Amino acid sequence: MLAVGGYGDYFSAKIREARQAFDSAETPSRRSIQKAKLMDTQADAFEILGLVPGPESVKILGEYLSDETGRVPPSPPGSKDDRMARQQDANFTPNSFYALMAIADLPLVAPPVARRKGNATIYDSDIDAWRLWYEQVKSGKRTFRFEGDPREYNLDGPTKTAVSQVQGPRVPAGPGISPAPKEAAGVVVAQARVDDPSQERRWPLWAALGVLAVGVAVYVRRKGKGLRRLA
């Protein structure tokens, strides 16, 4: 998927199509069916994007961090705030909730929020820090790296210059929470490049193998622990 590219737009289009089908449903029964399909599409697309460490994933997920369409407002001050119960009354779960979980799953070096156990996210505590981080990346004020990859990235791909002058807030780990793992010093991963023109004709096979591998990873993760709560 990383070699072929375009996967970000593919999954984003799937999400938009499912949302349009939901919005255009004319009867309650049809709307209920399309709601289920929309939420399945959201869960699958965002989870796969969170498994693919590339600038396309960062770009798509970063943009969706601001899409709160369908979010139920918090309960009034002084009352019990059960977001999961509130969200059941909504039309569907906002894309921003899924995007936050997915971008936190990417193996980014020095993410803006320290990783918790199981990469769990707390929406109201984490979302602002991630949005600020993405806006800095989008505006060219900072670059990012993935664990095990020595290259610096912006949203267009690898870049020779690291931009780190602007440092956004980083939410620290709390009691009983594991801090973000540090990258092993001196680890350099060789990036293979295929210059043989005949290899370019094999990209459909690479794409198929990539999709299969990601599908297996998603299945194994769900089989072992199920989908995390959108907390």
C-alpha atoms as a PDB file:
ATOM      1  CA  MET A   1       0.000   0.000   0.000  1.00  0.00           C
ATOM      2  CA  LEU A   2       2.839   2.395   0.822  1.00  0.00           C
ATOM      3  CA  ALA A   3       4.599   1.576  -2.440  1.00  0.00           C
ATOM      4  CA  VAL A   4       1.520   2.059  -4.612  1.00  0.00           C
ATOM      5  CA  GLY A   5       0.052   5.113  -2.857  1.00  0.00           C
ATOM      6  CA  GLY A   6      -3.456   6.477  -3.136  1.00  0.00           C
ATOM      7  CA  TYR A   7      -4.788   4.344  -0.301  1.00  0.00           C
ATOM      8  CA  GLY A   8      -5.682   7.409   1.781  1.00  0.00           C
ATOM      9  CA  ASP A   9      -7.985   8.813  -0.869  1.00  0.00           C
ATOM     10  CA  TYR A  10      -9.496   5.355  -1.393  1.00  0.00           C
ATOM     11  CA  PHE A  11     -10.548   4.933   2.242  1.00  0.00           C
ATOM     12  CA  SER A  12     -11.633   8.563   2.520  1.00  0.00           C
ATOM     13  CA  ALA A  13     -13.897   8.075  -0.511  1.00  0.00           C
ATOM     14  CA  LYS A  14     -15.408   4.965   1.107  1.00  0.00           C
ATOM     15  CA  ILE A  15     -16.243   6.967   4.226  1.00  0.00           C
ATOM     16  CA  ARG A  16     -17.823   9.791   2.190  1.00  0.00           C
ATOM     17  CA  GLU A  17     -19.884   7.353   0.121  1.00  0.00           C
ATOM     18  CA  ALA A  18     -21.221   5.617   3.235  1.00  0.00           C
ATOM     19  CA  ARG A  19     -22.085   8.980   4.778  1.00  0.00           C
ATOM     20  CA  GLN A  20     -23.895  10.126   1.632  1.00  0.00           C
ATOM     21  CA  ALA A  21     -25.911   6.908   1.569  1.00  0.00           C
ATOM     22  CA  PHE A  22     -26.895   7.504   5.186  1.00  0.00           C
ATOM     23  CA  ASP A  23     -27.872  11.132   4.555  1.00  0.00           C
ATOM     24  CA  SER A  24     -29.983  10.206   1.526  1.00  0.00           C
ATOM     25  CA  ALA A  25     -31.936   7.411   3.267  1.00  0.00           C
ATOM     26  CA  GLU A  26     -35.628   8.340   3.121  1.00  0.00           C
ATOM     27  CA  THR A  27     -37.212   5.924   5.597  1.00  0.00           C
ATOM     28  CA  PRO A  28     -36.352   5.068   9.232  1.00  0.00           C
ATOM     29  CA  SER A  29     -35.673   1.434   8.370  1.00  0.00           C
ATOM     30  CA  ARG A  30     -33.427   2.368   5.467  1.00  0.00           C
ATOM     31  CA  ARG A  31     -31.679   4.957   7.624  1.00  0.00           C
ATOM     32  CA  SER A  32     -31.004   2.327  10.279  1.00  0.00           C
ATOM     33  CA  ILE A  33     -29.449   0.013   7.683  1.00  0.00           C
ATOM     34  CA  GLN A  34     -27.249   2.776   6.271  1.00  0.00           C
ATOM     35  CA  LYS A  35     -26.209   3.845   9.769  1.00  0.00           C
ATOM     36  CA  ALA A  36     -24.890   0.344  10.461  1.00  0.00           C
ATOM     37  CA  LYS A  37     -23.030   0.308   7.132  1.00  0.00           C
ATOM     38  CA  LEU A  38     -21.575   3.754   7.820  1.00  0.00           C
ATOM     39  CA  MET A  39     -20.251   2.758  11.225  1.00  0.00           C
ATOM     40  CA  ASP A  40     -18.783  -0.470   9.826  1.00  0.00           C
ATOM     41  CA  THR A  41     -17.072   1.508   7.063  1.00  0.00           C
ATOM     42  CA  GLN A  42     -15.714   4.022   9.553  1.00  0.00           C
ATOM     43  CA  ALA A  43     -14.380   1.318  11.871  1.00  0.00           C
ATOM     44  CA  ASP A  44     -12.676  -0.644   9.070  1.00  0.00           C
ATOM     45  CA  ALA A  45     -11.239   2.327   7.155  1.00  0.00           C
ATOM     46  CA  PHE A  46      -9.831   4.163  10.156  1.00  0.00           C
ATOM     47  CA  GLU A  47      -8.382   1.043  11.742  1.00  0.00           C
ATOM     48  CA  ILE A  48      -6.527   0.175   8.531  1.00  0.00           C
ATOM     49  CA  LEU A  49      -5.205   3.737   8.201  1.00  0.00           C
ATOM     50  CA  GLY A  50      -3.893   3.462  11.746  1.00  0.00           C
ATOM     51  CA  LEU A  51      -1.880   0.391  10.699  1.00  0.00           C
ATOM     52  CA  VAL A  52      -0.139   2.001   7.712  1.00  0.00           C
ATOM     53  CA  PRO A  53       2.721   4.363   8.766  1.00  0.00           C
ATOM     54  CA  GLY A  54       2.907   6.817   5.905  1.00  0.00           C
ATOM     55  CA  PRO A  55       2.306  10.521   5.204  1.00  0.00           C
ATOM     56  CA  GLU A  56      -0.979   9.680   3.463  1.00  0.00           C
ATOM     57  CA  SER A  57      -2.307   8.209   6.680  1.00  0.00           C
ATOM     58  CA  VAL A  58      -1.201  11.246   8.669  1.00  0.00           C
ATOM     59  CA  LYS A  59      -2.853  13.599   6.168  1.00  0.00           C
ATOM     60  CA  ILE A  60      -6.209  11.809   5.994  1.00  0.00           C
ATOM     61  CA  LEU A  61      -6.418  11.190   9.728  1.00  0.00           C
ATOM     62  CA  GLY A  62      -5.263  14.721  10.528  1.00  0.00           C
ATOM     63  CA  GLU A  63      -8.004  16.230   8.399  1.00  0.00           C
ATOM     64  CA  TYR A  64     -10.657  14.034   9.998  1.00  0.00           C
ATOM     65  CA  LEU A  65      -9.605  15.132  13.496  1.00  0.00           C
ATOM     66  CA  SER A  66     -11.733  18.234  12.973  1.00  0.00           C
ATOM     67  CA  ASP A  67     -14.819  16.471  11.606  1.00  0.00           C
ATOM     68  CA  GLU A  68     -17.138  16.320  14.627  1.00  0.00           C
ATOM     69  CA  THR A  69     -20.344  16.060  12.587  1.00  0.00           C
ATOM     70  CA  GLY A  70     -22.848  14.078  14.650  1.00  0.00           C
ATOM     71  CA  ARG A  71     -21.177  14.665  18.008  1.00  0.00           C
ATOM     72  CA  VAL A  72     -23.442  14.947  21.026  1.00  0.00           C
ATOM     73  CA  PRO A  73     -22.461  17.898  23.267  1.00  0.00           C
ATOM     74  CA  PRO A  74     -21.171  17.164  26.786  1.00  0.00           C
ATOM     75  CA  SER A  75     -23.636  17.064  29.647  1.00  0.00           C
ATOM     76  CA  PRO A  76     -24.219  20.292  31.646  1.00  0.00           C
ATOM     77  CA  PRO A  77     -21.661  21.103  34.380  1.00  0.00           C
ATOM     78  CA  GLY A  78     -22.385  19.322  37.644  1.00  0.00           C
ATOM     79  CA  SER A  79     -24.134  16.360  36.016  1.00  0.00           C
ATOM     80  CA  LYS A  80     -22.748  12.921  35.270  1.00  0.00           C
ATOM     81  CA  ASP A  81     -21.150  12.929  31.831  1.00  0.00           C
ATOM     82  CA  ASP A  82     -21.473   9.496  30.239  1.00  0.00           C
ATOM     83  CA  ARG A  83     -20.279  10.102  26.694  1.00  0.00           C
ATOM     84  CA  MET A  84     -20.911   6.560  25.528  1.00  0.00           C
ATOM     85  CA  ALA A  85     -24.546   6.765  26.636  1.00  0.00           C
ATOM     86  CA  ARG A  86     -24.905  10.175  25.002  1.00  0.00           C
ATOM     87  CA  GLN A  87     -23.404   8.946  21.758  1.00  0.00           C
ATOM     88  CA  GLN A  88     -25.981   6.173  21.473  1.00  0.00           C
ATOM     89  CA  ASP A  89     -28.588   8.865  20.892  1.00  0.00           C
ATOM     90  CA  ALA A  90     -26.578  10.400  18.046  1.00  0.00           C
ATOM     91  CA  ASN A  91     -27.073   9.599  14.385  1.00  0.00           C
ATOM     92  CA  PHE A  92     -23.576   8.114  14.159  1.00  0.00           C
ATOM     93  CA  THR A  93     -20.146   8.389  15.757  1.00  0.00           C
ATOM     94  CA  PRO A  94     -18.173  11.398  14.442  1.00  0.00           C
ATOM     95  CA  ASN A  95     -15.175  10.753  12.217  1.00  0.00           C
ATOM     96  CA  SER A  96     -12.988  12.683  14.668  1.00  0.00           C
ATOM     97  CA  PHE A  97     -13.392   9.951  17.306  1.00  0.00           C
ATOM     98  CA  TYR A  98     -12.188   7.254  14.924  1.00  0.00           C
ATOM     99  CA  ALA A  99      -9.418   9.483  13.525  1.00  0.00           C
ATOM    100  CA  LEU A 100      -8.035  10.151  17.002  1.00  0.00           C
ATOM    101  CA  MET A 101      -7.790   6.442  17.803  1.00  0.00           C
ATOM    102  CA  ALA A 102      -6.184   5.694  14.452  1.00  0.00           C
ATOM    103  CA  ILE A 103      -3.560   8.463  14.480  1.00  0.00           C
ATOM    104  CA  ALA A 104      -2.608   7.478  18.038  1.00  0.00           C
ATOM    105  CA  ASP A 105      -1.958   3.958  16.713  1.00  0.00           C
ATOM    106  CA  LEU A 106       0.605   5.171  14.167  1.00  0.00           C
ATOM    107  CA  PRO A 107       4.191   4.561  15.367  1.00  0.00           C
ATOM    108  CA  LEU A 108       5.076   8.254  15.391  1.00  0.00           C
ATOM    109  CA  VAL A 109       8.233   9.358  17.180  1.00  0.00           C
ATOM    110  CA  ALA A 110       7.379  11.775  20.015  1.00  0.00           C
ATOM    111  CA  PRO A 111       3.601  11.984  19.525  1.00  0.00           C
ATOM    112  CA  PRO A 112       1.885  15.012  21.091  1.00  0.00           C
ATOM    113  CA  VAL A 113       0.155  12.794  23.664  1.00  0.00           C
ATOM    114  CA  ALA A 114       2.122  10.206  25.624  1.00  0.00           C
ATOM    115  CA  ARG A 115       0.974   6.698  24.813  1.00  0.00           C
ATOM    116  CA  ARG A 116      -1.251   4.981  27.312  1.00  0.00           C
ATOM    117  CA  LYS A 117      -1.651   1.264  27.819  1.00  0.00           C
ATOM    118  CA  GLY A 118      -2.962  -0.271  24.607  1.00  0.00           C
ATOM    119  CA  ASN A 119      -2.647   3.149  22.892  1.00  0.00           C
ATOM    120  CA  ALA A 120      -5.992   4.056  24.476  1.00  0.00           C
ATOM    121  CA  THR A 121      -7.252   7.582  23.825  1.00  0.00           C
ATOM    122  CA  ILE A 122      -9.333   9.978  25.923  1.00  0.00           C
ATOM    123  CA  TYR A 123     -11.110  12.216  23.462  1.00  0.00           C
ATOM    124  CA  ASP A 124     -11.687  15.380  25.488  1.00  0.00           C
ATOM    125  CA  SER A 125      -8.157  15.241  26.927  1.00  0.00           C
ATOM    126  CA  ASP A 126      -6.259  14.384  23.730  1.00  0.00           C
ATOM    127  CA  ILE A 127      -8.014  15.922  20.741  1.00  0.00           C
ATOM    128  CA  ASP A 128      -6.730  19.505  21.064  1.00  0.00           C
ATOM    129  CA  ALA A 129      -3.080  18.432  21.331  1.00  0.00           C
ATOM    130  CA  TRP A 130      -3.377  16.225  18.256  1.00  0.00           C
ATOM    131  CA  ARG A 131      -5.140  18.963  16.267  1.00  0.00           C
ATOM    132  CA  LEU A 132      -2.417  21.475  17.127  1.00  0.00           C
ATOM    133  CA  TRP A 133       0.292  18.972  16.167  1.00  0.00           C
ATOM    134  CA  TYR A 134      -1.372  18.308  12.812  1.00  0.00           C
ATOM    135  CA  GLU A 135      -1.865  22.013  12.076  1.00  0.00           C
ATOM    136  CA  GLN A 136       1.862  22.557  12.638  1.00  0.00           C
ATOM    137  CA  VAL A 137       2.669  19.694  10.262  1.00  0.00           C
ATOM    138  CA  LYS A 138       0.169  20.958   7.693  1.00  0.00           C
ATOM    139  CA  SER A 139       1.547  24.502   7.793  1.00  0.00           C
ATOM    140  CA  GLY A 140       5.129  23.258   7.363  1.00  0.00           C
ATOM    141  CA  LYS A 141       6.229  24.299  10.856  1.00  0.00           C
ATOM    142  CA  ARG A 142       7.228  20.787  11.838  1.00  0.00           C
ATOM    143  CA  THR A 143       8.033  17.399  10.334  1.00  0.00           C
ATOM    144  CA  PHE A 144       7.483  13.919  11.743  1.00  0.00           C
ATOM    145  CA  ARG A 145       9.135  10.511  11.857  1.00  0.00           C
ATOM    146  CA  PHE A 146       8.060   6.920  12.297  1.00  0.00           C
ATOM    147  CA  GLU A 147       9.765   4.526  14.699  1.00  0.00           C
ATOM    148  CA  GLY A 148      12.434   2.487  12.928  1.00  0.00           C
ATOM    149  CA  ASP A 149      12.580   4.885   9.969  1.00  0.00           C
ATOM    150  CA  PRO A 150      15.384   7.520  10.042  1.00  0.00           C
ATOM    151  CA  ARG A 151      13.703   9.751   7.465  1.00  0.00           C
ATOM    152  CA  GLU A 152      11.881  12.997   8.245  1.00  0.00           C
ATOM    153  CA  TYR A 153       8.459  13.437   6.619  1.00  0.00           C
ATOM    154  CA  ASN A 154       6.045  16.160   5.727  1.00  0.00           C
ATOM    155  CA  LEU A 155       2.644  15.529   4.181  1.00  0.00           C
ATOM    156  CA  ASP A 156       4.191  15.230   0.706  1.00  0.00           C
ATOM    157  CA  GLY A 157       6.660  12.520   1.675  1.00  0.00           C
ATOM    158  CA  PRO A 158      10.280  12.262   2.872  1.00  0.00           C
ATOM    159  CA  THR A 159      12.138  15.539   3.317  1.00  0.00           C
ATOM    160  CA  LYS A 160      15.834  16.220   3.904  1.00  0.00           C
ATOM    161  CA  THR A 161      15.217  18.977   6.450  1.00  0.00           C
ATOM    162  CA  ALA A 162      13.767  18.433   9.901  1.00  0.00           C
ATOM    163  CA  VAL A 163      11.518  21.218  11.147  1.00  0.00           C
ATOM    164  CA  SER A 164      11.177  21.148  14.915  1.00  0.00           C
ATOM    165  CA  GLN A 165      11.422  24.779  16.008  1.00  0.00           C
ATOM    166  CA  VAL A 166       7.748  24.910  16.923  1.00  0.00           C
ATOM    167  CA  GLN A 167       6.940  22.574  19.779  1.00  0.00           C
ATOM    168  CA  GLY A 168       3.300  22.050  20.665  1.00  0.00           C
ATOM    169  CA  PRO A 169       2.136  20.873  24.085  1.00  0.00           C
ATOM    170  CA  ARG A 170       2.671  17.235  24.836  1.00  0.00           C
ATOM    171  CA  VAL A 171       0.224  15.675  27.245  1.00  0.00           C
ATOM    172  CA  PRO A 172       2.255  13.753  29.842  1.00  0.00           C
ATOM    173  CA  ALA A 173       1.484  10.244  30.958  1.00  0.00           C
ATOM    174  CA  GLY A 174      -0.447  10.054  34.209  1.00  0.00           C
ATOM    175  CA  PRO A 175      -0.215   7.600  37.110  1.00  0.00           C
ATOM    176  CA  GLY A 176      -0.149   4.006  35.940  1.00  0.00           C
ATOM    177  CA  ILE A 177       0.279   5.064  32.319  1.00  0.00           C
ATOM    178  CA  SER A 178       3.249   4.039  30.226  1.00  0.00           C
ATOM    179  CA  PRO A 179       5.135   6.924  28.596  1.00  0.00           C
ATOM    180  CA  ALA A 180       5.778   6.975  24.867  1.00  0.00           C
ATOM    181  CA  PRO A 181       8.501   4.455  24.005  1.00  0.00           C
ATOM    182  CA  LYS A 182      11.840   5.938  22.992  1.00  0.00           C
ATOM    183  CA  GLU A 183      13.398   5.018  19.707  1.00  0.00           C
ATOM    184  CA  ALA A 184      16.495   2.868  20.050  1.00  0.00           C
ATOM    185  CA  ALA A 185      19.617   4.959  19.556  1.00  0.00           C
ATOM    186  CA  GLY A 186      21.614   4.338  16.431  1.00  0.00           C
ATOM    187  CA  VAL A 187      19.026   2.168  14.725  1.00  0.00           C
ATOM    188  CA  VAL A 188      19.011   2.731  10.981  1.00  0.00           C
ATOM    189  CA  VAL A 189      16.646   0.857   8.721  1.00  0.00           C
ATOM    190  CA  ALA A 190      17.780   0.443   5.142  1.00  0.00           C
ATOM    191  CA  GLN A 191      15.084   1.463   2.681  1.00  0.00           C
ATOM    192  CA  ALA A 192      15.060  -0.824  -0.343  1.00  0.00           C
ATOM    193  CA  ARG A 193      14.408   0.814  -3.665  1.00  0.00           C
ATOM    194  CA  VAL A 194      13.574  -1.140  -6.812  1.00  0.00           C
ATOM    195  CA  ASP A 195      15.038   0.491  -9.899  1.00  0.00           C
ATOM    196  CA  ASP A 196      14.310  -2.367 -12.269  1.00  0.00           C
ATOM    197  CA  PRO A 197      11.523  -1.153 -14.627  1.00  0.00           C
ATOM    198  CA  SER A 198      10.153  -4.687 -14.812  1.00  0.00           C
ATOM    199  CA  GLN A 199       9.308  -4.469 -11.127  1.00  0.00           C
ATOM    200  CA  GLU A 200       6.849  -1.623 -11.763  1.00  0.00           C
ATOM    201  CA  ARG A 201       4.561  -4.043 -13.582  1.00  0.00           C
ATOM    202  CA  ARG A 202       4.225  -6.033 -10.381  1.00  0.00           C
ATOM    203  CA  TRP A 203       2.491  -3.267  -8.415  1.00  0.00           C
ATOM    204  CA  PRO A 204      -0.962  -4.935  -8.547  1.00  0.00           C
ATOM    205  CA  LEU A 205       0.553  -7.946  -6.769  1.00  0.00           C
ATOM    206  CA  TRP A 206       2.205  -5.726  -4.178  1.00  0.00           C
ATOM    207  CA  ALA A 207      -1.076  -3.908  -3.619  1.00  0.00           C
ATOM    208  CA  ALA A 208      -3.002  -7.158  -3.208  1.00  0.00           C
ATOM    209  CA  LEU A 209      -0.444  -8.528  -0.753  1.00  0.00           C
ATOM    210  CA  GLY A 210      -0.495  -5.263   1.196  1.00  0.00           C
ATOM    211  CA  VAL A 211      -4.278  -5.254   1.505  1.00  0.00           C
ATOM    212  CA  LEU A 212      -4.230  -8.927   2.530  1.00  0.00           C
ATOM    213  CA  ALA A 213      -1.594  -8.312   5.197  1.00  0.00           C
ATOM    214  CA  VAL A 214      -3.472  -5.363   6.658  1.00  0.00           C
ATOM    215  CA  GLY A 215      -6.729  -7.320   6.605  1.00  0.00           C
ATOM    216  CA  VAL A 216      -5.125 -10.170   8.520  1.00  0.00           C
ATOM    217  CA  ALA A 217      -3.691  -7.718  11.053  1.00  0.00           C
ATOM    218  CA  VAL A 218      -7.089  -6.115  11.610  1.00  0.00           C
ATOM    219  CA  TYR A 219      -8.737  -9.522  12.044  1.00  0.00           C
ATOM    220  CA  VAL A 220      -6.121 -10.693  14.546  1.00  0.00           C
ATOM    221  CA  ARG A 221      -6.396  -7.495  16.579  1.00  0.00           C
ATOM    222  CA  ARG A 222     -10.170  -7.677  16.743  1.00  0.00           C
ATOM    223  CA  LYS A 223     -10.146 -11.396  17.495  1.00  0.00           C
ATOM    224  CA  GLY A 224      -7.794 -10.870  20.390  1.00  0.00           C
ATOM    225  CA  LYS A 225      -9.129  -7.772  22.059  1.00  0.00           C
ATOM    226  CA  GLY A 226     -12.121  -6.438  20.108  1.00  0.00           C
ATOM    227  CA  LEU A 227     -12.589  -2.807  19.145  1.00  0.00           C
ATOM    228  CA  ARG A 228     -11.532  -0.336  21.810  1.00  0.00           C
ATOM    229  CA  ARG A 229     -14.155   1.908  23.326  1.00  0.00           C
ATOM    230  CA  LEU A 230     -14.335   5.331  21.722  1.00  0.00           C
ATOM    231  CA  ALA A 231     -13.550   6.960  25.049  1.00  0.00           C
END
